[in-house]
Structure formats: structure tokens, C-alpha cells
Amino acid sequence: MNLHCLHDTPHAWLAEALERFEGQFWYPLGPGRRFRISHGRDYLPFFQAMGRATVLVAERGGEVLGTLARVERRVRILEENRLVHYLCDLKVAPSARGGRVLPALIQETRRQIEASGSHACYSIVMGGTGRTPADYTGRGGIPPFQQLADLMILRFSASAPLDAPAPIEETVPWMPAEKDLRITGGHSALRSLLQPVELRVADACAVLEDTRRGKRLWMEDGDELVSAHLASLRFSSTPAAAVLIQRSLLAAQQAGFPAVFTAMPLSVWSALRSHVIHLSPQEAPAFLFGHDLPAGHDWWVDTAEI
């Protein structure tokens, strides 16, 4: 088995093998529907848009057996701007499960993390996932991951007729809550075909983008599942957030997107939900797991980076 460490576009033969590999994985989308993910022939832009990226590819005989991506990011904790490693895109071919592939990917990632000077790392798992990081860490020399935060992934339809939101009066400038933790770093234009659009209302702001330059979703019938993403969401009041979300749906509709995804801490969503329930959001819980990072915080992540 060969272990390739990618920092840039893979060779053509490996890019083709990665395409075949990704085609094996299908994800549910409601009753009787499912989709697959493609990172394209370049493969790296989705990850490079978040920071310095490394993608490990386990390969044998020209066929990909597994992948694991690591992206170096930053998070501000107690006035300290810390390096953190985002671990994502962990996939193992069905034919290679239970063998050497997963341990090889994890051990090489561990070696790179230890050489970086920061052991802090995190990953995000959707609700209903069979195995979480807690299931395959904490043994074999791999430090244990623990659940650090509850998230809510939201999908709002932008295809129905929408009314312009009512204006709101500005109250106070936005200030982050003390327990808010936000991951920073990267350049969204590397992943977004849509020129990222900044949206602002009184007491709220965000950026509307997509991921089609770095990641695309395909249905079984060959249709593309296209969505915009409301990223870098900040607000100081729930009415302001509701107005901003409705503005984002109008902007997405005008740009030809049928839906908008966004994410927030579960505690924040619990306070906001009643203000946007008339927009009929689809709700999907997710969880942030990590190591060498503090618990008890509200973690903000962007759906364009999951």
C-alpha cells in the first residue's frame, strides 16, 4: 500500500482514481433519495480554501483505498490565537475496512500534527453517523477525542416566492459572546464559483457563497444538488438574524440557488428558531469532537467547510 501526501493537484492517474473512489459513497437525502460528493480532478481547492491543507491518500495498484484531510486553522481562545487542525474527508473503501488503511491514515496524520507544535484538533460529525471520532481514538497511541459542542445544520428553501423582510432599527454593534469560538483562516473564493457576497442589516452580517469550485453534490439521476451557504454569520439579536437570513434567501434566489445552508450552535438555534420557523427550515444536528481544546463553548462553523 502506498500513502500519498497531497499539497497540490494530484497527478492525472491519481485524480481519476480519486474520482472512482468518491463515486462509491452515497449519502441519504430524505426518503428514497441520495447524493454523492465530488471534489473534482483538482481535489485540493475545497480544503485549501480553509487554510494550509494536506490530503492523505492510501492507494494500491492504482486504486484509492482511503483518504484523510488535515487543514491548519486558527481559533482564538482566552486571548490566545491558537493553531488547530481540522480533520475531515475521512473515507475508507468498503473493501478495505477492518484492515491497515484506517490505522495508516491516522498514524501519519498524528505524526504531522505532533511535528506542527500544536496537538489541538477537531472534526465534525453529522447526527446519525455510525462511528464517531470517540470510537476510533484513545487507543493505539492516538489521543482521545471528546464531544465539545452541539451544532445545528439548517437548510432554507429559496425556491418559493419570498417577501422582502421588514426593516429593523439598529440597536448595538455586534460583539461576540465570551463563550463563542470561531474558526478562522483561508479564502472562500478558492471554493466558491459565486463571487462571495457580503450581506448586512442592522446588528447582523454574513457572507453568501457556494462550494462548487471545490465540492459538488450529485444526485443519482445526474442532477446537481446546488445550494448557497450563509457563512461567517454574526448577529447581536435574534430579530436581526431572522431578517438577515430572509435577505440571504432573496439574494440566493436572484443568483439562481434553490436553497441556502447555514449552521450555528444548538443553543443559539434554540433562541432563534421561533423567529424563522415560518421559513420551514430543515434541521440536521451535528457534533464537534476535538482533542486538546476546551469544552463549554459555543463553536461556530460554516456549512461551506463541512
Protein backbone atom coordinates (compact mmCIF):
# COMPACT_ATOMS: atom_id res chain seq x y z
CA MET A 1 0.00 0.00 0.00
CA ASN A 2 1.24 3.48 -0.91
CA LEU A 3 0.47 6.58 1.15
CA HIS A 4 0.42 9.79 -0.91
CA CYS A 5 0.68 13.17 0.83
CA LEU A 6 -1.01 15.79 -1.36
CA HIS A 7 -0.44 19.53 -1.03
CA ASP A 8 -1.42 20.38 -4.60
CA THR A 9 -3.31 18.98 -7.59
CA PRO A 10 -2.77 15.21 -7.86
CA HIS A 11 -1.28 13.57 -10.95
CA ALA A 12 -3.86 12.71 -13.62
CA TRP A 13 -3.88 8.98 -12.83
CA LEU A 14 -4.43 9.62 -9.12
CA ALA A 15 -7.11 12.24 -9.85
CA GLU A 16 -9.00 9.64 -11.90
CA ALA A 17 -8.60 7.09 -9.10
CA LEU A 18 -9.94 9.60 -6.57
CA GLU A 19 -12.98 10.19 -8.78
CA ARG A 20 -13.69 6.45 -8.88
CA PHE A 21 -13.16 6.24 -5.14
CA GLU A 22 -15.58 9.07 -4.31
CA GLY A 23 -18.22 7.51 -6.56
CA GLN A 24 -18.61 4.63 -4.07
CA PHE A 25 -20.00 6.81 -1.28
CA TRP A 26 -23.67 7.80 -1.25
CA TYR A 27 -25.43 9.83 1.43
CA PRO A 28 -29.17 9.93 2.23
CA LEU A 29 -31.28 12.94 1.27
CA GLY A 30 -34.76 12.25 2.52
CA PRO A 31 -36.92 9.21 1.67
CA GLY A 32 -35.68 7.32 -1.38
CA ARG A 33 -33.11 9.92 -2.40
CA ARG A 34 -29.35 10.09 -2.03
CA PHE A 35 -26.37 12.04 -3.30
CA ARG A 36 -22.62 11.69 -3.73
CA ILE A 37 -19.80 14.21 -3.27
CA SER A 38 -17.17 15.14 -5.84
CA HIS A 39 -14.11 17.27 -5.06
CA GLY A 40 -13.20 17.33 -8.75
CA ARG A 41 -9.96 16.47 -10.52
CA ASP A 42 -8.03 19.16 -8.61
CA TYR A 43 -9.36 17.74 -5.31
CA LEU A 44 -7.47 20.21 -3.07
CA PRO A 45 -9.29 23.59 -3.55
CA PHE A 46 -12.10 22.78 -1.11
CA PHE A 47 -9.56 22.16 1.64
CA GLN A 48 -7.12 24.91 0.61
CA ALA A 49 -9.96 27.44 0.91
CA MET A 50 -9.83 26.84 4.68
CA GLY A 51 -6.06 27.05 5.19
CA ARG A 52 -2.87 25.10 4.66
CA ALA A 53 -4.15 21.69 3.59
CA THR A 54 -2.74 18.17 3.41
CA VAL A 55 -4.73 15.27 1.96
CA LEU A 56 -3.50 11.75 2.65
CA VAL A 57 -4.45 9.15 0.04
CA ALA A 58 -3.97 5.43 0.62
CA GLU A 59 -3.57 3.67 -2.73
CA ARG A 60 -2.73 0.21 -4.00
CA GLY A 61 -2.45 -0.90 -7.61
CA GLY A 62 -3.82 2.38 -8.91
CA GLU A 63 -6.96 2.25 -6.79
CA VAL A 64 -7.65 4.55 -3.84
CA LEU A 65 -8.40 2.76 -0.58
CA GLY A 66 -8.87 5.72 1.76
CA THR A 67 -8.44 9.44 2.37
CA LEU A 68 -7.99 11.79 5.31
CA ALA A 69 -7.58 15.58 5.06
CA ARG A 70 -5.93 17.89 7.59
CA VAL A 71 -6.25 21.68 7.42
CA GLU A 72 -4.31 24.09 9.61
CA ARG A 73 -6.66 26.74 11.02
CA ARG A 74 -6.80 29.29 13.83
CA VAL A 75 -9.10 29.77 16.80
CA ARG A 76 -8.92 32.48 19.45
CA ILE A 77 -9.19 31.04 22.97
CA LEU A 78 -8.70 33.24 26.06
CA GLU A 79 -6.83 35.93 24.10
CA GLU A 80 -4.55 33.31 22.52
CA ASN A 81 -4.67 32.76 18.75
CA ARG A 82 -4.11 29.00 18.59
CA LEU A 83 -3.24 26.71 15.71
CA VAL A 84 -5.82 23.94 15.35
CA HIS A 85 -6.03 21.04 12.91
CA TYR A 86 -9.34 20.39 11.18
CA LEU A 87 -9.60 16.68 10.32
CA CYS A 88 -12.12 15.86 7.61
CA ASP A 89 -12.82 13.78 4.48
CA LEU A 90 -12.10 10.52 6.30
CA LYS A 91 -13.26 7.75 3.98
CA VAL A 92 -12.23 4.11 3.64
CA ALA A 93 -13.32 1.92 0.73
CA PRO A 94 -15.78 -0.80 1.80
CA SER A 95 -13.35 -3.46 0.57
CA ALA A 96 -10.55 -2.07 2.78
CA ARG A 97 -12.39 -1.65 6.07
CA GLY A 98 -11.03 -3.51 9.07
CA GLY A 99 -7.53 -3.62 7.61
CA ARG A 100 -4.42 -1.41 7.62
CA VAL A 101 -5.85 1.59 5.77
CA LEU A 102 -7.50 3.48 8.63
CA PRO A 103 -4.59 2.96 11.08
CA ALA A 104 -2.10 4.09 8.43
CA LEU A 105 -4.04 7.28 7.69
CA ILE A 106 -4.49 8.11 11.37
CA GLN A 107 -0.89 7.38 12.35
CA GLU A 108 0.55 9.55 9.57
CA THR A 109 -1.85 12.36 10.48
CA ARG A 110 -0.78 12.01 14.10
CA ARG A 111 2.88 12.30 13.07
CA GLN A 112 2.18 15.51 11.12
CA ILE A 113 0.18 17.01 13.99
CA GLU A 114 2.92 16.27 16.51
CA ALA A 115 5.50 17.91 14.23
CA SER A 116 3.41 21.09 13.95
CA GLY A 117 3.81 22.23 17.56
CA SER A 118 0.06 22.11 18.29
CA HIS A 119 -1.87 18.99 19.23
CA ALA A 120 -5.26 20.75 19.12
CA CYS A 121 -7.58 19.24 16.52
CA TYR A 122 -11.28 18.90 15.80
CA SER A 123 -13.70 17.20 13.44
CA ILE A 124 -17.42 17.50 12.72
CA VAL A 125 -19.83 14.58 12.59
CA MET A 126 -23.43 14.64 11.38
CA GLY A 127 -26.10 13.20 13.62
CA GLY A 128 -26.81 9.56 12.84
CA THR A 129 -23.24 8.78 11.80
CA GLY A 130 -22.45 5.19 12.72
CA ARG A 131 -18.97 5.80 14.16
CA THR A 132 -17.70 9.00 15.75
CA PRO A 133 -14.09 10.02 16.47
CA ALA A 134 -14.60 8.84 20.04
CA ASP A 135 -14.93 5.29 18.65
CA TYR A 136 -11.53 5.14 16.93
CA THR A 137 -9.36 7.38 19.13
CA GLY A 138 -7.97 6.89 22.63
CA ARG A 139 -6.10 3.72 21.77
CA GLY A 140 -3.08 2.63 19.75
CA GLY A 141 -1.24 5.79 20.71
CA ILE A 142 -4.00 8.03 19.29
CA PRO A 143 -5.14 10.67 21.81
CA PRO A 144 -8.84 10.54 22.73
CA PHE A 145 -11.38 12.87 21.13
CA GLN A 146 -14.38 14.05 23.11
CA GLN A 147 -17.58 15.77 22.08
CA LEU A 148 -17.15 19.51 22.60
CA ALA A 149 -20.21 21.12 21.05
CA ASP A 150 -23.69 20.57 19.63
CA LEU A 151 -24.41 22.22 16.28
CA MET A 152 -27.47 22.63 14.10
CA ILE A 153 -27.20 22.47 10.31
CA LEU A 154 -30.05 24.31 8.60
CA ARG A 155 -31.37 24.28 5.04
CA PHE A 156 -33.77 27.02 3.95
CA SER A 157 -35.62 26.80 0.64
CA ALA A 158 -35.12 29.79 -1.65
CA SER A 159 -37.30 28.46 -4.46
CA ALA A 160 -40.70 29.65 -3.18
CA PRO A 161 -41.85 33.27 -3.58
CA LEU A 162 -40.33 35.38 -0.82
CA ASP A 163 -41.43 38.66 0.69
CA ALA A 164 -38.86 41.34 1.43
CA PRO A 165 -38.11 41.33 5.17
CA ALA A 166 -39.27 44.25 7.25
CA PRO A 167 -36.53 46.71 8.21
CA ILE A 168 -35.26 46.75 11.78
CA GLU A 169 -33.75 49.50 13.81
CA GLU A 170 -30.09 49.28 14.78
CA THR A 171 -29.53 48.78 18.49
CA VAL A 172 -25.93 47.98 19.43
CA PRO A 173 -22.86 46.95 17.42
CA TRP A 174 -22.27 43.21 17.24
CA MET A 175 -19.97 41.87 19.93
CA PRO A 176 -19.04 38.18 20.22
CA ALA A 177 -20.20 36.41 23.35
CA GLU A 178 -17.37 35.42 25.67
CA LYS A 179 -18.02 31.73 25.12
CA ASP A 180 -18.14 31.99 21.31
CA LEU A 181 -15.30 30.25 19.47
CA ARG A 182 -14.86 30.92 15.76
CA ILE A 183 -12.50 29.10 13.43
CA THR A 184 -10.63 31.47 11.11
CA GLY A 185 -8.28 31.29 8.16
CA GLY A 186 -8.49 30.61 4.45
CA HIS A 187 -10.02 32.27 1.42
CA SER A 188 -13.57 31.35 0.40
CA ALA A 189 -13.09 32.46 -3.23
CA LEU A 190 -10.98 29.32 -3.74
CA ARG A 191 -14.08 27.15 -3.27
CA SER A 192 -16.91 29.45 -4.42
CA LEU A 193 -17.95 29.89 -8.05
CA LEU A 194 -20.26 32.66 -6.88
CA GLN A 195 -18.32 35.79 -6.02
CA PRO A 196 -18.82 35.83 -2.22
CA VAL A 197 -21.43 38.47 -1.37
CA GLU A 198 -21.36 40.33 1.95
CA LEU A 199 -24.82 40.83 3.46
CA ARG A 200 -25.54 43.37 6.18
CA VAL A 201 -28.52 44.53 8.17
CA ALA A 202 -28.62 46.36 11.46
CA ASP A 203 -26.97 44.16 14.09
CA ALA A 204 -26.20 41.26 11.72
CA CYS A 205 -23.85 40.36 8.89
CA ALA A 206 -22.77 37.31 6.90
CA VAL A 207 -21.31 36.20 3.56
CA LEU A 208 -23.24 34.31 0.87
CA GLU A 209 -21.12 31.86 -1.12
CA ASP A 210 -21.12 28.36 -2.58
CA THR A 211 -18.66 25.45 -2.80
CA ARG A 212 -18.92 24.43 -6.46
CA ARG A 213 -15.33 25.35 -7.28
CA GLY A 214 -14.13 22.85 -4.67
CA LYS A 215 -17.01 20.45 -3.92
CA ARG A 216 -20.15 19.49 -5.81
CA LEU A 217 -23.06 17.26 -4.86
CA TRP A 218 -24.68 14.95 -7.43
CA MET A 219 -27.97 13.08 -7.30
CA GLU A 220 -28.42 9.53 -8.61
CA ASP A 221 -30.23 10.84 -11.69
CA GLY A 222 -27.23 13.02 -12.59
CA ASP A 223 -28.74 16.32 -11.46
CA GLU A 224 -26.54 18.58 -9.37
CA LEU A 225 -27.72 19.44 -5.87
CA VAL A 226 -26.98 23.17 -5.84
CA SER A 227 -27.11 25.30 -2.70
CA ALA A 228 -25.70 28.55 -1.41
CA HIS A 229 -24.11 28.84 2.03
CA LEU A 230 -24.57 31.63 4.56
CA ALA A 231 -21.13 31.84 6.17
CA SER A 232 -19.42 34.00 8.80
CA LEU A 233 -22.81 34.65 10.40
CA ARG A 234 -22.73 37.24 13.18
CA PHE A 235 -25.59 38.92 14.97
CA SER A 236 -26.41 40.60 18.26
CA SER A 237 -30.16 39.94 18.28
CA THR A 238 -32.39 37.15 17.04
CA PRO A 239 -34.72 39.52 15.10
CA ALA A 240 -31.68 40.82 13.22
CA ALA A 241 -30.58 37.28 12.43
CA ALA A 242 -34.04 36.42 11.12
CA VAL A 243 -34.01 39.45 8.81
CA LEU A 244 -30.54 38.60 7.56
CA ILE A 245 -31.50 35.00 6.81
CA GLN A 246 -34.52 36.16 4.83
CA ARG A 247 -32.34 38.64 2.92
CA SER A 248 -29.94 35.81 2.13
CA LEU A 249 -32.79 33.75 0.65
CA LEU A 250 -33.71 36.63 -1.64
CA ALA A 251 -30.08 37.05 -2.70
CA ALA A 252 -29.74 33.30 -3.30
CA GLN A 253 -32.95 33.23 -5.32
CA GLN A 254 -31.70 36.08 -7.51
CA ALA A 255 -28.42 34.21 -8.05
CA GLY A 256 -30.24 31.04 -9.09
CA PHE A 257 -29.77 28.97 -5.93
CA PRO A 258 -32.81 26.96 -4.77
CA ALA A 259 -31.64 26.69 -1.15
CA VAL A 260 -29.33 28.15 1.50
CA PHE A 261 -27.42 26.22 4.15
CA THR A 262 -26.10 27.69 7.38
CA ALA A 263 -25.03 26.44 10.81
CA MET A 264 -24.91 27.68 14.37
CA PRO A 265 -24.52 26.39 17.93
CA LEU A 266 -27.57 24.47 19.09
CA SER A 267 -28.09 26.88 22.00
CA VAL A 268 -28.24 29.82 19.58
CA TRP A 269 -30.63 28.00 17.27
CA SER A 270 -32.94 27.29 20.21
CA ALA A 271 -33.29 31.05 20.72
CA LEU A 272 -33.60 31.89 17.01
CA ARG A 273 -35.90 29.10 15.86
CA SER A 274 -39.23 30.78 16.61
CA HIS A 275 -38.19 33.83 14.55
CA VAL A 276 -37.62 31.84 11.33
CA ILE A 277 -39.91 28.82 11.69
CA HIS A 278 -42.23 30.36 9.08
CA LEU A 279 -39.42 29.77 6.56
CA SER A 280 -39.76 25.99 7.16
CA PRO A 281 -36.08 25.18 7.72
CA GLN A 282 -34.86 21.60 7.54
CA GLU A 283 -32.88 20.80 10.69
CA ALA A 284 -29.98 18.36 10.96
CA PRO A 285 -27.98 18.04 14.19
CA ALA A 286 -24.21 17.76 14.09
CA PHE A 287 -21.48 17.42 16.70
CA LEU A 288 -17.99 18.83 17.06
CA PHE A 289 -15.39 16.47 18.51
CA GLY A 290 -11.91 17.56 19.49
CA HIS A 291 -8.69 16.99 21.39
CA ASP A 292 -6.68 19.49 23.45
CA LEU A 293 -9.47 22.05 23.11
CA PRO A 294 -11.77 23.41 25.84
CA ALA A 295 -15.34 22.28 26.38
CA GLY A 296 -18.18 24.57 27.43
CA HIS A 297 -18.02 26.92 24.43
CA ASP A 298 -20.36 27.71 21.55
CA TRP A 299 -18.46 26.72 18.41
CA TRP A 300 -19.35 28.48 15.17
CA VAL A 301 -18.59 26.60 11.96
CA ASP A 302 -19.64 27.25 8.37
CA THR A 303 -21.56 24.69 6.32
CA ALA A 304 -19.35 25.59 3.34
CA GLU A 305 -16.49 23.96 5.27
CA ILE A 306 -18.15 20.70 6.32
